[in-house]
Amino acid sequence: MTVTGEPSLAAIIELHRERVGNLNELADVAEVFYIDLHPKAELLAKHLTPETLPMLSNFIERLPAIAWETTAIGALIKEIVARHGLKMPRLAMPLRVLLTGMEQTPSVDAVVAIFPRATVLKRLALAKRVTGTGSS
């Protein structure tokens, strides 16, 4: 695997520093930022539900227009969760699974911000393909 300049390996290390115990664990969590990810079907089925899809779709629609920084992404997540009247994990979990293939990550807004915007939009587009929804 070749590590390119985006996303920043230093930023990935900083984000996961408190969560990993050794270099092997760090390599495992860092890998998802650089590979062609294919989340497990059971995780997608668990988190891409009729309840979460409208909220996820709304997030995807708004994502291209916001500043690409943790604060702005976090504010967008909070706004969408409040608008849909659901709790934060109902959006955070599908985002985690689509972006990293994992259910547990550091703060989801920080995870989103580390990826290049184009990668996030590409990975989130999987939700439409998996669920057969045409709206984004």
Protein backbone atom coordinates (compact mmCIF):
# COMPACT_ATOMS: atom_id res chain seq x y z
CA MET A 1 0.00 0.00 0.00
CA THR A 2 1.28 3.45 -0.92
CA VAL A 3 0.42 6.28 1.46
CA THR A 4 -0.25 9.50 -0.39
CA GLY A 5 -0.50 13.04 0.96
CA GLU A 6 -4.26 12.82 1.37
CA PRO A 7 -5.48 12.11 3.86
CA SER A 8 -2.66 13.18 6.09
CA LEU A 9 -1.07 10.25 7.89
CA ALA A 10 -0.13 12.63 10.71
CA ALA A 11 -3.79 13.61 11.13
CA ILE A 12 -4.86 9.95 11.20
CA ILE A 13 -2.24 9.18 13.85
CA GLU A 14 -3.35 12.15 15.95
CA LEU A 15 -7.02 11.13 15.67
CA HIS A 16 -6.36 7.53 16.73
CA ARG A 17 -3.46 8.01 19.15
CA GLU A 18 -5.56 7.43 22.27
CA ARG A 19 -7.46 4.49 20.76
CA VAL A 20 -4.66 2.19 19.60
CA GLY A 21 -2.12 0.28 21.64
CA ASN A 22 0.54 -0.49 19.05
CA LEU A 23 1.65 0.11 15.47
CA ASN A 24 -0.26 -2.90 14.14
CA GLU A 25 -3.53 -1.50 15.47
CA LEU A 26 -2.65 1.91 14.05
CA ALA A 27 -1.93 0.38 10.65
CA ASP A 28 -5.30 -1.39 10.72
CA VAL A 29 -7.29 1.78 11.46
CA ALA A 30 -5.22 3.90 9.08
CA GLU A 31 -5.65 1.48 6.18
CA VAL A 32 -9.35 2.36 5.71
CA PHE A 33 -8.37 5.87 4.68
CA TYR A 34 -6.34 4.61 1.71
CA ILE A 35 -8.02 1.46 0.38
CA ASP A 36 -10.99 0.84 -1.86
CA LEU A 37 -13.39 0.09 0.98
CA HIS A 38 -16.19 -2.47 0.82
CA PRO A 39 -18.21 -2.39 4.08
CA LYS A 40 -19.74 -5.69 5.18
CA ALA A 41 -23.28 -6.23 3.93
CA GLU A 42 -24.55 -7.00 7.43
CA LEU A 43 -23.24 -3.66 8.75
CA LEU A 44 -24.85 -1.81 5.85
CA ALA A 45 -28.16 -3.58 6.43
CA LYS A 46 -28.00 -2.84 10.15
CA HIS A 47 -27.34 0.90 9.77
CA LEU A 48 -28.87 1.91 6.41
CA THR A 49 -32.48 1.70 7.49
CA PRO A 50 -35.65 3.44 6.31
CA GLU A 51 -35.36 5.63 9.41
CA THR A 52 -31.77 6.73 8.73
CA LEU A 53 -31.79 7.06 4.94
CA PRO A 54 -33.63 10.43 4.73
CA MET A 55 -31.24 11.90 7.28
CA LEU A 56 -28.21 10.46 5.48
CA SER A 57 -29.51 11.73 2.15
CA ASN A 58 -29.97 15.22 3.63
CA PHE A 59 -26.39 15.12 4.95
CA ILE A 60 -25.03 14.07 1.55
CA GLU A 61 -26.95 16.87 -0.19
CA ARG A 62 -25.56 19.54 2.12
CA LEU A 63 -21.98 18.25 2.36
CA PRO A 64 -20.56 19.78 -0.84
CA ALA A 65 -21.43 23.32 0.25
CA ILE A 66 -19.87 23.43 3.72
CA ALA A 67 -16.35 24.28 4.85
CA TRP A 68 -14.22 21.12 5.01
CA GLU A 69 -13.36 21.28 8.70
CA THR A 70 -14.42 19.36 11.79
CA THR A 71 -16.42 22.25 13.27
CA ALA A 72 -18.53 22.83 10.16
CA ILE A 73 -19.08 19.11 9.60
CA GLY A 74 -20.07 18.66 13.26
CA ALA A 75 -22.51 21.56 13.03
CA LEU A 76 -24.08 20.06 9.92
CA ILE A 77 -24.47 16.68 11.63
CA LYS A 78 -26.13 18.31 14.66
CA GLU A 79 -28.43 20.39 12.45
CA ILE A 80 -29.59 17.39 10.44
CA VAL A 81 -30.09 15.19 13.50
CA ALA A 82 -32.19 17.94 15.13
CA ARG A 83 -34.20 18.51 11.94
CA HIS A 84 -35.09 14.83 11.73
CA GLY A 85 -35.80 14.51 15.46
CA LEU A 86 -33.46 11.56 15.96
CA LYS A 87 -30.44 10.94 18.14
CA MET A 88 -26.87 11.45 16.95
CA PRO A 89 -25.99 7.73 16.57
CA ARG A 90 -28.74 7.32 13.97
CA LEU A 91 -26.61 9.40 11.58
CA ALA A 92 -23.16 8.79 13.02
CA MET A 93 -23.33 5.00 12.70
CA PRO A 94 -24.20 4.91 8.98
CA LEU A 95 -21.48 7.52 8.34
CA ARG A 96 -18.90 5.44 10.22
CA VAL A 97 -19.82 2.24 8.39
CA LEU A 98 -19.88 3.86 4.95
CA LEU A 99 -16.59 5.71 5.48
CA THR A 100 -14.55 3.21 7.48
CA GLY A 101 -16.41 -0.10 7.46
CA MET A 102 -16.36 0.03 11.28
CA GLU A 103 -18.96 0.76 13.93
CA GLN A 104 -16.50 2.36 16.33
CA THR A 105 -14.33 5.31 15.40
CA PRO A 106 -13.23 8.56 16.97
CA SER A 107 -15.66 11.46 16.67
CA VAL A 108 -17.45 11.07 13.35
CA ASP A 109 -17.07 14.73 12.36
CA ALA A 110 -13.29 14.44 12.81
CA VAL A 111 -13.22 11.22 10.80
CA VAL A 112 -15.18 12.83 7.95
CA ALA A 113 -12.87 15.87 7.96
CA ILE A 114 -9.69 13.80 7.58
CA PHE A 115 -10.86 12.26 4.32
CA PRO A 116 -10.71 14.31 1.13
CA ARG A 117 -14.21 15.60 0.31
CA ALA A 118 -14.32 13.62 -2.97
CA THR A 119 -13.59 10.36 -1.12
CA VAL A 120 -16.36 11.03 1.40
CA LEU A 121 -18.89 11.77 -1.34
CA LYS A 122 -17.83 8.64 -3.25
CA ARG A 123 -18.11 6.40 -0.19
CA LEU A 124 -21.43 7.90 0.89
CA ALA A 125 -22.82 7.32 -2.60
CA LEU A 126 -22.70 3.62 -1.72
CA ALA A 127 -25.81 4.20 0.39
CA LYS A 128 -27.83 4.94 -2.76
CA ARG A 129 -26.47 1.91 -4.60
CA VAL A 130 -27.06 -0.46 -1.68
CA THR A 131 -30.56 0.75 -0.91
CA GLY A 132 -31.64 1.47 -4.48
CA THR A 133 -32.63 5.02 -3.62
CA GLY A 134 -32.19 7.54 -6.39
CA SER A 135 -32.29 10.72 -4.33
CA SER A 136 -29.21 12.09 -2.70
